[in-house]
C-alpha atoms as a PDB file:
ATOM      1  CA  MET A   1      -1.694  12.044   2.199  1.00  0.00           C
ATOM      2  CA  SER A   2       1.829  10.852   1.603  1.00  0.00           C
ATOM      3  CA  GLU A   3       4.482  13.255   0.314  1.00  0.00           C
ATOM      4  CA  ARG A   4       5.199  10.653  -2.345  1.00  0.00           C
ATOM      5  CA  ILE A   5       1.738  10.941  -3.918  1.00  0.00           C
ATOM      6  CA  VAL A   6       0.881  14.306  -5.436  1.00  0.00           C
ATOM      7  CA  ILE A   7      -2.063  15.726  -7.331  1.00  0.00           C
ATOM      8  CA  HIS A   8      -1.526  18.583  -9.750  1.00  0.00           C
ATOM      9  CA  PRO A   9      -4.091  19.614 -12.367  1.00  0.00           C
ATOM     10  CA  ASP A  10      -1.432  19.887 -15.100  1.00  0.00           C
ATOM     11  CA  ILE A  11       0.014  16.398 -14.549  1.00  0.00           C
ATOM     12  CA  CYS A  12      -1.950  13.399 -15.860  1.00  0.00           C
ATOM     13  CA  ASN A  13      -5.197  15.376 -15.746  1.00  0.00           C
ATOM     14  CA  GLY A  14      -5.014  15.776 -11.991  1.00  0.00           C
ATOM     15  CA  ARG A  15      -4.820  12.078 -11.185  1.00  0.00           C
ATOM     16  CA  PRO A  16      -2.653  11.103  -8.200  1.00  0.00           C
ATOM     17  CA  VAL A  17       0.921  10.385  -9.327  1.00  0.00           C
ATOM     18  CA  ILE A  18       4.182   9.446  -7.672  1.00  0.00           C
ATOM     19  CA  ALA A  19       6.036  12.701  -6.991  1.00  0.00           C
ATOM     20  CA  GLY A  20       8.565  13.548  -9.688  1.00  0.00           C
ATOM     21  CA  THR A  21       7.069  11.088 -12.178  1.00  0.00           C
ATOM     22  CA  ARG A  22       4.075  10.687 -14.436  1.00  0.00           C
ATOM     23  CA  VAL A  23       3.302   7.233 -13.028  1.00  0.00           C
ATOM     24  CA  THR A  24      -0.193   7.243 -11.583  1.00  0.00           C
ATOM     25  CA  ALA A  25      -1.103   5.516  -8.353  1.00  0.00           C
ATOM     26  CA  GLN A  26      -3.776   3.715 -10.366  1.00  0.00           C
ATOM     27  CA  THR A  27      -1.130   2.274 -12.701  1.00  0.00           C
ATOM     28  CA  VAL A  28       0.835   0.894  -9.768  1.00  0.00           C
ATOM     29  CA  ILE A  29      -2.278  -0.667  -8.223  1.00  0.00           C
ATOM     30  CA  GLU A  30      -3.282  -2.204 -11.570  1.00  0.00           C
ATOM     31  CA  PHE A  31       0.161  -3.780 -12.005  1.00  0.00           C
ATOM     32  CA  LEU A  32       0.003  -5.242  -8.506  1.00  0.00           C
ATOM     33  CA  ALA A  33      -3.547  -6.489  -9.066  1.00  0.00           C
ATOM     34  CA  ALA A  34      -2.388  -8.212 -12.249  1.00  0.00           C
ATOM     35  CA  GLY A  35       0.167 -10.169 -10.226  1.00  0.00           C
ATOM     36  CA  ASP A  36       3.330  -8.123 -10.660  1.00  0.00           C
ATOM     37  CA  THR A  37       5.541  -7.819  -7.597  1.00  0.00           C
ATOM     38  CA  PRO A  38       7.126  -4.603  -6.397  1.00  0.00           C
ATOM     39  CA  GLU A  39      10.432  -5.979  -7.688  1.00  0.00           C
ATOM     40  CA  ASP A  40       8.883  -6.490 -11.150  1.00  0.00           C
ATOM     41  CA  MET A  41       7.712  -2.889 -11.177  1.00  0.00           C
ATOM     42  CA  ILE A  42      11.079  -1.542 -10.031  1.00  0.00           C
ATOM     43  CA  ALA A  43      12.766  -3.530 -12.798  1.00  0.00           C
ATOM     44  CA  GLU A  44      10.404  -1.989 -15.348  1.00  0.00           C
ATOM     45  CA  TYR A  45      10.444   1.505 -13.816  1.00  0.00           C
ATOM     46  CA  PRO A  46      13.911   1.821 -12.216  1.00  0.00           C
ATOM     47  CA  TYR A  47      13.183   5.332 -10.949  1.00  0.00           C
ATOM     48  CA  LEU A  48      10.488   3.953  -8.607  1.00  0.00           C
ATOM     49  CA  THR A  49      11.265   2.788  -5.110  1.00  0.00           C
ATOM     50  CA  ARG A  50       9.596   0.238  -2.900  1.00  0.00           C
ATOM     51  CA  GLU A  51       8.437   3.151  -0.730  1.00  0.00           C
ATOM     52  CA  ASP A  52       6.735   4.735  -3.771  1.00  0.00           C
ATOM     53  CA  ILE A  53       4.823   1.514  -4.374  1.00  0.00           C
ATOM     54  CA  LEU A  54       3.855   1.209  -0.726  1.00  0.00           C
ATOM     55  CA  ALA A  55       2.681   4.846  -0.781  1.00  0.00           C
ATOM     56  CA  CYS A  56       0.355   3.980  -3.674  1.00  0.00           C
ATOM     57  CA  LEU A  57      -1.092   1.082  -1.704  1.00  0.00           C
ATOM     58  CA  SER A  58      -1.576   3.296   1.318  1.00  0.00           C
ATOM     59  CA  TYR A  59      -3.176   6.000  -0.813  1.00  0.00           C
ATOM     60  CA  SER A  60      -5.601   3.519  -2.372  1.00  0.00           C
ATOM     61  CA  ALA A  61      -6.659   2.242   1.034  1.00  0.00           C
END
């Protein structure tokens, strides 16, 4: 598992999140599935990086 994706029982009910945030991997995948680009997500969540988004894709695979 990537260092960028963490699971902790006290954060978002133990769902996988991007390290240091409360953004779930599922949220990232849902945005991408809805047609948003990584650039769209970074504009909306400026604390995310392209590598964070790619880690979510890798995790979901």
